[in-house]
Amino acid sequence: MTRTASKPRPARTARKELTAVEAKAAAQRIAFGPMVFQTCWTMQRKGLFRALAQSGTKGLTRKELAEATGLSAYAVMVLTDMALTADVLAMNDGRMVLTKTGVMLAFDDMTQVNMDFTGDVCFAGLAHLEEALVQGRPVGLQVFGDWPTVYQGLAHLPEHVRRSWFDFDHYYSDHSFPPALEIVFRERPKVVMDVGGNTGKWALCCLRHDPQVRMMVVDLPGQLREVERNVRAAGLSDRLTTVAADMLDPASVLPEGADAIWMSQFLDCFGEDEIVAILRKARTVMRRGMPLYIMETFIDRQRFEAASFALAATSLYFTAMANGNSRMYRAEHFAPLVEAAGLRVVEEHDNVGQGHSIWRCELP
């Protein structure tokens, strides 16, 4: 088996043991975590971070911040008090400035995408996390509508929620698609089957990358309408075929005729038994030597601890909002699912784009 990684992951050092006072302080940050999040998210949306950033190292007084944002003195007081104690702001001679954490909240694209996803998509529904864990279904999704999973309701979510959902999904995949194209098109496949095509971004990348390739996109009808619309707008629909299928339907099958199968950020949307069943469906249409590429963000294949933290948090979105039984997987837990489906991993590429891994799977 070939294993390709940009660099080996450094061994993590043992954590410093906290004192009782430090541990109690850390516990309070967790106990009041929702307040900290809502404070920072509000400051982002109401322009407080932007105003403080523009002030540079000079900073702003509370009065100046109220004038700059149009908020009341009371609103600025409670927001900045929380931000100061959360180390988002610092006070110098009565003037507030952004800390390094505050700068990340103000300017870092990944942080803003994650915050909007948490706030718009997840926050209200996470109040039902305990019920979702007990019942094994996405009870929190009821804050938006009555669907069995978020995927059936995706086309019907409020526009701002839908936008934050897609911004989150696309942010990570978009950084990984360019290097992924080099991996998938080494053998110049003539037909690529994209299972779980979403909005058609991968299909468009492939169609633009290779003017000869034909794309076969398999997804739910609602998603396929968007795929078709986007590919048609790009003038490339003559090389697109769409196939409507619900991979959770035991009677569903995948079409034949592809030279490679692609599943990007797709299998993490399912529980373990469902992943095995979907991979077995792929196996039935695979030929000897034909690749199935799986692109996922595995918790235990991340270079930075913050990335592993974010992925573990995303699992709770799947629990409360998406389907109630899937998660962001660890590679050590995912590999046995591939084997159980009757496939073998012949190549592994880690650190692709924003922390993705790409596995090439074949018939044994």
Protein backbone atom coordinates (compact mmCIF):
# COMPACT_ATOMS: atom_id res chain seq x y z
CA MET A 1 0.00 0.00 0.00
CA THR A 2 1.28 3.49 -0.88
CA ARG A 3 1.05 6.14 1.81
CA THR A 4 1.62 9.78 0.85
CA ALA A 5 1.64 12.62 3.36
CA SER A 6 3.03 16.16 3.22
CA LYS A 7 4.89 15.62 6.48
CA PRO A 8 4.66 13.23 9.40
CA ARG A 9 2.40 14.36 12.21
CA PRO A 10 4.46 15.36 15.26
CA ALA A 11 3.91 13.41 18.44
CA ARG A 12 1.76 15.34 20.87
CA THR A 13 3.39 16.19 24.14
CA ALA A 14 1.69 15.47 27.44
CA ARG A 15 -0.66 18.20 28.59
CA LYS A 16 0.39 20.42 31.43
CA GLU A 17 -1.42 19.45 34.62
CA LEU A 18 -3.67 22.33 35.71
CA THR A 19 -3.89 23.56 39.23
CA ALA A 20 -7.28 23.31 40.93
CA VAL A 21 -7.83 27.04 40.42
CA GLU A 22 -6.93 26.82 36.72
CA ALA A 23 -9.13 23.76 36.24
CA LYS A 24 -12.08 25.50 37.86
CA ALA A 25 -11.59 28.53 35.61
CA ALA A 26 -11.47 26.26 32.54
CA ALA A 27 -14.66 24.56 33.70
CA GLN A 28 -16.45 27.92 33.93
CA ARG A 29 -15.47 28.69 30.33
CA ILE A 30 -17.25 25.51 29.33
CA ALA A 31 -20.25 26.17 31.59
CA PHE A 32 -20.75 29.59 30.02
CA GLY A 33 -19.47 28.63 26.57
CA PRO A 34 -22.73 29.43 24.75
CA MET A 35 -22.61 32.98 26.14
CA VAL A 36 -19.07 33.45 24.86
CA PHE A 37 -20.03 32.16 21.42
CA GLN A 38 -23.11 34.36 21.11
CA THR A 39 -21.12 37.38 22.28
CA CYS A 40 -18.43 36.91 19.65
CA TRP A 41 -20.89 36.03 16.89
CA THR A 42 -22.93 39.16 17.69
CA MET A 43 -19.79 41.30 17.72
CA GLN A 44 -18.87 39.91 14.32
CA ARG A 45 -22.28 40.58 12.78
CA LYS A 46 -22.79 43.99 14.39
CA GLY A 47 -19.45 45.33 13.23
CA LEU A 48 -17.63 45.61 16.57
CA PHE A 49 -14.71 43.51 15.39
CA ARG A 50 -14.47 45.52 12.19
CA ALA A 51 -14.48 48.86 14.06
CA LEU A 52 -11.82 47.66 16.52
CA ALA A 53 -9.70 46.30 13.68
CA GLN A 54 -9.84 49.62 11.87
CA SER A 55 -8.70 51.40 15.03
CA GLY A 56 -5.49 49.34 15.07
CA THR A 57 -3.26 49.56 18.10
CA LYS A 58 -4.91 52.81 19.22
CA GLY A 59 -8.12 51.02 20.09
CA LEU A 60 -11.52 52.47 20.97
CA THR A 61 -13.29 53.53 24.12
CA ARG A 62 -16.69 52.01 24.82
CA LYS A 63 -18.30 55.32 23.85
CA GLU A 64 -16.43 55.41 20.54
CA LEU A 65 -17.35 51.79 19.87
CA ALA A 66 -21.03 52.55 20.48
CA GLU A 67 -20.84 55.51 18.11
CA ALA A 68 -19.08 53.45 15.45
CA THR A 69 -21.61 50.61 15.53
CA GLY A 70 -24.87 52.35 16.42
CA LEU A 71 -25.36 50.11 19.46
CA SER A 72 -26.41 51.43 22.84
CA ALA A 73 -23.91 52.02 25.62
CA TYR A 74 -25.54 49.13 27.49
CA ALA A 75 -25.14 46.73 24.55
CA VAL A 76 -21.48 47.63 24.12
CA MET A 77 -20.88 47.29 27.87
CA VAL A 78 -22.20 43.72 28.22
CA LEU A 79 -20.59 42.53 25.00
CA THR A 80 -17.17 43.97 25.75
CA ASP A 81 -17.21 42.81 29.37
CA MET A 82 -17.66 39.24 28.13
CA ALA A 83 -15.07 39.68 25.38
CA LEU A 84 -12.51 41.11 27.79
CA THR A 85 -12.84 38.22 30.22
CA ALA A 86 -12.73 35.74 27.31
CA ASP A 87 -9.37 37.19 26.13
CA VAL A 88 -10.91 38.38 22.88
CA LEU A 89 -10.24 42.02 23.79
CA ALA A 90 -7.60 43.73 25.92
CA MET A 91 -7.90 47.08 27.70
CA ASN A 92 -5.12 49.67 27.50
CA ASP A 93 -5.68 52.98 29.31
CA GLY A 94 -9.43 52.76 28.88
CA ARG A 95 -9.20 51.83 25.20
CA MET A 96 -10.02 48.37 23.89
CA VAL A 97 -7.99 46.53 21.27
CA LEU A 98 -8.27 43.11 19.68
CA THR A 99 -6.10 40.33 21.08
CA LYS A 100 -4.62 37.75 18.69
CA THR A 101 -7.75 35.67 19.29
CA GLY A 102 -9.88 38.70 18.46
CA VAL A 103 -7.92 39.23 15.24
CA MET A 104 -8.70 35.63 14.23
CA LEU A 105 -12.38 36.18 14.93
CA ALA A 106 -12.30 39.38 12.88
CA PHE A 107 -10.27 38.26 9.87
CA ASP A 108 -9.76 34.50 9.66
CA ASP A 109 -11.96 33.00 6.94
CA MET A 110 -12.07 29.54 8.51
CA THR A 111 -13.16 30.95 11.88
CA GLN A 112 -15.92 33.01 10.33
CA VAL A 113 -17.21 30.09 8.26
CA ASN A 114 -17.23 27.88 11.34
CA MET A 115 -18.99 30.49 13.47
CA ASP A 116 -21.74 31.10 10.91
CA PHE A 117 -22.25 27.35 10.53
CA THR A 118 -22.48 26.93 14.30
CA GLY A 119 -24.76 29.94 14.76
CA ASP A 120 -27.07 29.62 11.77
CA VAL A 121 -27.23 25.86 11.30
CA CYS A 122 -26.49 24.22 14.65
CA PHE A 123 -27.06 26.45 17.66
CA ALA A 124 -30.83 26.20 18.14
CA GLY A 125 -30.98 22.52 17.32
CA LEU A 126 -28.16 21.58 19.69
CA ALA A 127 -30.56 22.21 22.55
CA HIS A 128 -32.00 18.81 21.53
CA LEU A 129 -28.65 16.98 21.56
CA GLU A 130 -29.56 14.76 24.50
CA GLU A 131 -32.82 13.69 22.83
CA ALA A 132 -30.98 13.01 19.57
CA LEU A 133 -28.45 10.79 21.34
CA VAL A 134 -31.18 8.83 23.10
CA GLN A 135 -33.47 8.47 20.09
CA GLY A 136 -30.80 8.03 17.40
CA ARG A 137 -32.34 10.61 15.11
CA PRO A 138 -31.71 14.34 14.39
CA VAL A 139 -34.25 15.75 16.82
CA GLY A 140 -32.73 19.23 16.55
CA LEU A 141 -33.69 19.45 12.88
CA GLN A 142 -37.26 20.16 13.99
CA VAL A 143 -36.28 23.82 14.51
CA PHE A 144 -36.29 24.12 10.70
CA GLY A 145 -38.83 21.54 9.52
CA ASP A 146 -40.12 18.00 9.58
CA TRP A 147 -37.65 15.93 7.57
CA PRO A 148 -36.01 12.61 8.47
CA THR A 149 -32.55 14.04 7.69
CA VAL A 150 -31.16 17.44 6.77
CA TYR A 151 -30.46 16.25 3.23
CA GLN A 152 -34.14 15.93 2.34
CA GLY A 153 -34.71 19.41 3.74
CA LEU A 154 -31.59 21.12 2.42
CA ALA A 155 -33.31 22.74 -0.54
CA HIS A 156 -36.01 24.12 1.78
CA LEU A 157 -33.95 25.58 4.62
CA PRO A 158 -34.11 29.36 5.22
CA GLU A 159 -31.78 31.10 2.80
CA HIS A 160 -29.28 32.34 5.39
CA VAL A 161 -29.11 28.87 6.98
CA ARG A 162 -28.64 27.22 3.62
CA ARG A 163 -25.92 29.70 2.70
CA SER A 164 -24.00 29.03 5.92
CA TRP A 165 -24.38 25.26 5.38
CA PHE A 166 -22.92 25.42 1.87
CA ASP A 167 -20.23 27.95 2.83
CA PHE A 168 -19.04 25.51 5.51
CA ASP A 169 -19.15 22.52 3.19
CA HIS A 170 -17.45 24.29 0.28
CA TYR A 171 -14.76 26.04 2.32
CA TYR A 172 -13.04 22.78 3.15
CA SER A 173 -13.64 20.94 -0.12
CA ASP A 174 -12.66 23.88 -2.34
CA HIS A 175 -9.15 23.97 -0.87
CA SER A 176 -8.78 20.23 -1.49
CA PHE A 177 -10.15 19.95 -5.03
CA PRO A 178 -7.05 21.21 -6.95
CA PRO A 179 -4.65 18.60 -5.50
CA ALA A 180 -7.43 16.00 -5.65
CA LEU A 181 -7.75 16.53 -9.41
CA GLU A 182 -4.09 15.60 -9.87
CA ILE A 183 -4.66 12.34 -8.00
CA VAL A 184 -7.89 11.34 -9.74
CA PHE A 185 -6.80 12.24 -13.28
CA ARG A 186 -3.39 10.54 -13.27
CA GLU A 187 -4.94 7.70 -15.29
CA ARG A 188 -7.18 10.00 -17.34
CA PRO A 189 -10.56 8.38 -16.66
CA LYS A 190 -13.12 8.92 -19.39
CA VAL A 191 -16.16 8.73 -17.08
CA VAL A 192 -16.12 9.74 -13.40
CA MET A 193 -19.07 8.90 -11.16
CA ASP A 194 -19.56 11.47 -8.38
CA VAL A 195 -21.71 9.93 -5.65
CA GLY A 196 -23.18 12.70 -3.51
CA GLY A 197 -22.61 15.52 -5.96
CA ASN A 198 -24.01 18.29 -3.74
CA THR A 199 -24.09 21.50 -5.83
CA GLY A 200 -21.91 20.12 -8.62
CA LYS A 201 -18.66 21.88 -7.67
CA TRP A 202 -16.54 18.74 -8.07
CA ALA A 203 -18.28 17.88 -11.32
CA LEU A 204 -17.50 21.35 -12.68
CA CYS A 205 -13.88 21.09 -11.54
CA CYS A 206 -13.52 17.81 -13.42
CA LEU A 207 -15.26 19.04 -16.54
CA ARG A 208 -13.01 22.10 -16.68
CA HIS A 209 -9.87 20.12 -15.84
CA ASP A 210 -10.31 17.58 -18.65
CA PRO A 211 -12.28 18.64 -21.75
CA GLN A 212 -12.86 14.98 -22.65
CA VAL A 213 -14.16 13.60 -19.35
CA ARG A 214 -17.84 12.83 -18.82
CA MET A 215 -19.37 13.22 -15.37
CA MET A 216 -22.07 10.99 -13.90
CA VAL A 217 -23.53 12.55 -10.73
CA VAL A 218 -25.64 10.49 -8.33
CA ASP A 219 -27.65 12.25 -5.62
CA LEU A 220 -31.12 13.05 -4.33
CA PRO A 221 -33.46 14.82 -6.81
CA GLY A 222 -33.30 18.17 -4.99
CA GLN A 223 -29.51 18.25 -5.14
CA LEU A 224 -29.46 17.11 -8.79
CA ARG A 225 -31.59 20.05 -9.85
CA GLU A 226 -28.93 22.38 -8.48
CA VAL A 227 -26.13 20.35 -10.09
CA GLU A 228 -27.86 20.54 -13.45
CA ARG A 229 -28.53 24.26 -13.09
CA ASN A 230 -24.90 25.06 -12.20
CA VAL A 231 -23.37 22.87 -14.90
CA ARG A 232 -25.80 24.21 -17.48
CA ALA A 233 -24.88 27.80 -16.52
CA ALA A 234 -21.23 26.91 -17.18
CA GLY A 235 -22.12 25.60 -20.64
CA LEU A 236 -20.90 22.07 -19.89
CA SER A 237 -24.12 20.11 -19.56
CA ASP A 238 -23.42 18.10 -22.73
CA ARG A 239 -20.92 16.02 -20.72
CA LEU A 240 -23.11 15.58 -17.65
CA THR A 241 -25.42 12.71 -16.74
CA THR A 242 -27.43 12.75 -13.52
CA VAL A 243 -28.92 9.75 -11.75
CA ALA A 244 -31.42 10.20 -8.93
CA ALA A 245 -30.90 7.74 -6.08
CA ASP A 246 -31.29 7.59 -2.33
CA MET A 247 -28.31 5.65 -1.03
CA LEU A 248 -30.26 4.77 2.13
CA ASP A 249 -32.89 2.96 0.07
CA PRO A 250 -31.96 -0.75 0.12
CA ALA A 251 -33.32 -1.07 -3.42
CA SER A 252 -31.12 1.70 -4.85
CA VAL A 253 -28.22 0.81 -7.13
CA LEU A 254 -25.36 2.70 -8.70
CA PRO A 255 -25.11 2.93 -12.49
CA GLU A 256 -22.45 1.06 -14.42
CA GLY A 257 -20.03 2.46 -16.97
CA ALA A 258 -17.70 4.67 -14.89
CA ASP A 259 -13.91 4.45 -14.95
CA ALA A 260 -13.58 5.92 -11.44
CA ILE A 261 -15.93 6.55 -8.54
CA TRP A 262 -15.58 9.64 -6.33
CA MET A 263 -17.10 10.14 -2.86
CA SER A 264 -16.10 13.45 -1.27
CA GLN A 265 -17.27 14.34 2.24
CA PHE A 266 -20.13 11.95 1.56
CA LEU A 267 -19.67 8.83 3.63
CA ASP A 268 -19.32 10.77 6.87
CA CYS A 269 -23.01 11.58 6.39
CA PHE A 270 -23.89 7.98 7.29
CA GLY A 271 -23.60 5.51 10.13
CA GLU A 272 -21.18 2.61 10.01
CA ASP A 273 -23.63 -0.02 8.69
CA GLU A 274 -24.87 2.43 6.06
CA ILE A 275 -21.31 3.16 4.90
CA VAL A 276 -20.65 -0.54 4.43
CA ALA A 277 -23.90 -0.93 2.47
CA ILE A 278 -23.08 2.03 0.19
CA LEU A 279 -19.56 0.78 -0.47
CA ARG A 280 -20.96 -2.65 -1.34
CA LYS A 281 -23.20 -0.99 -3.91
CA ALA A 282 -20.11 0.63 -5.39
CA ARG A 283 -18.29 -2.69 -5.34
CA THR A 284 -20.95 -4.28 -7.58
CA VAL A 285 -20.17 -1.85 -10.43
CA MET A 286 -16.37 -1.85 -10.05
CA ARG A 287 -13.96 -3.71 -12.32
CA ARG A 288 -10.55 -5.07 -11.41
CA GLY A 289 -8.13 -2.16 -11.03
CA MET A 290 -10.91 0.46 -11.14
CA PRO A 291 -10.48 3.07 -8.39
CA LEU A 292 -12.98 4.27 -5.84
CA TYR A 293 -11.67 7.50 -4.29
CA ILE A 294 -12.88 8.44 -0.83
CA MET A 295 -12.07 11.95 0.44
CA GLU A 296 -12.69 12.57 4.13
CA THR A 297 -11.34 14.62 7.02
CA PHE A 298 -10.27 12.07 9.60
CA ILE A 299 -9.90 13.24 13.19
CA ASP A 300 -6.70 11.25 13.70
CA ARG A 301 -5.03 12.42 10.47
CA GLN A 302 -4.89 16.15 11.26
CA ARG A 303 -1.64 18.09 11.63
CA PHE A 304 -3.08 20.55 14.15
CA GLU A 305 -5.00 19.91 17.34
CA ALA A 306 -7.46 22.70 16.53
CA ALA A 307 -8.51 20.79 13.39
CA SER A 308 -9.20 17.63 15.37
CA PHE A 309 -11.22 19.71 17.85
CA ALA A 310 -13.30 21.22 15.05
CA LEU A 311 -14.01 17.82 13.52
CA ALA A 312 -15.10 16.35 16.86
CA ALA A 313 -17.46 19.32 17.26
CA THR A 314 -18.84 18.76 13.75
CA SER A 315 -19.84 15.23 14.77
CA LEU A 316 -22.41 16.76 17.11
CA TYR A 317 -23.99 18.55 14.14
CA PHE A 318 -24.51 15.16 12.52
CA THR A 319 -26.03 13.85 15.76
CA ALA A 320 -28.45 16.68 16.47
CA MET A 321 -29.15 18.15 13.02
CA ALA A 322 -28.14 15.93 10.10
CA ASN A 323 -29.20 12.32 10.64
CA GLY A 324 -28.59 11.23 14.22
CA ASN A 325 -26.15 8.41 13.52
CA SER A 326 -23.12 9.66 11.58
CA ARG A 327 -19.98 11.50 12.60
CA MET A 328 -16.55 12.67 11.55
CA TYR A 329 -14.59 9.44 11.63
CA ARG A 330 -11.14 8.43 12.74
CA ALA A 331 -9.14 6.64 10.05
CA GLU A 332 -8.59 3.74 12.44
CA HIS A 333 -12.38 3.28 12.67
CA PHE A 334 -13.06 3.91 8.98
CA ALA A 335 -10.60 1.43 7.50
CA PRO A 336 -12.46 -1.65 8.84
CA LEU A 337 -15.64 -0.41 7.11
CA VAL A 338 -13.88 -0.41 3.74
CA GLU A 339 -12.64 -3.94 4.40
CA ALA A 340 -16.11 -5.10 5.51
CA ALA A 341 -17.48 -3.90 2.17
CA GLY A 342 -15.08 -6.18 0.32
CA LEU A 343 -12.64 -3.49 -0.82
CA ARG A 344 -9.01 -2.72 0.01
CA VAL A 345 -7.21 0.60 0.40
CA VAL A 346 -4.22 0.69 -1.98
CA GLU A 347 -3.18 4.35 -1.57
CA GLU A 348 -3.56 6.93 1.17
CA HIS A 349 -2.88 10.65 0.67
CA ASP A 350 -3.01 12.76 3.84
CA ASN A 351 -2.94 16.53 4.34
CA VAL A 352 -4.72 17.25 1.06
CA GLY A 353 -5.92 20.86 1.11
CA GLN A 354 -7.64 21.67 4.41
CA GLY A 355 -6.86 18.46 6.26
CA HIS A 356 -8.44 15.95 3.90
CA SER A 357 -7.29 12.42 3.24
CA ILE A 358 -7.90 10.66 -0.08
CA TRP A 359 -8.01 6.87 -0.13
CA ARG A 360 -7.86 4.91 -3.36
CA CYS A 361 -9.84 1.70 -2.93
CA GLU A 362 -9.99 -1.26 -5.31
CA LEU A 363 -11.33 -4.78 -5.50
CA PRO A 364 -9.04 -7.18 -3.62
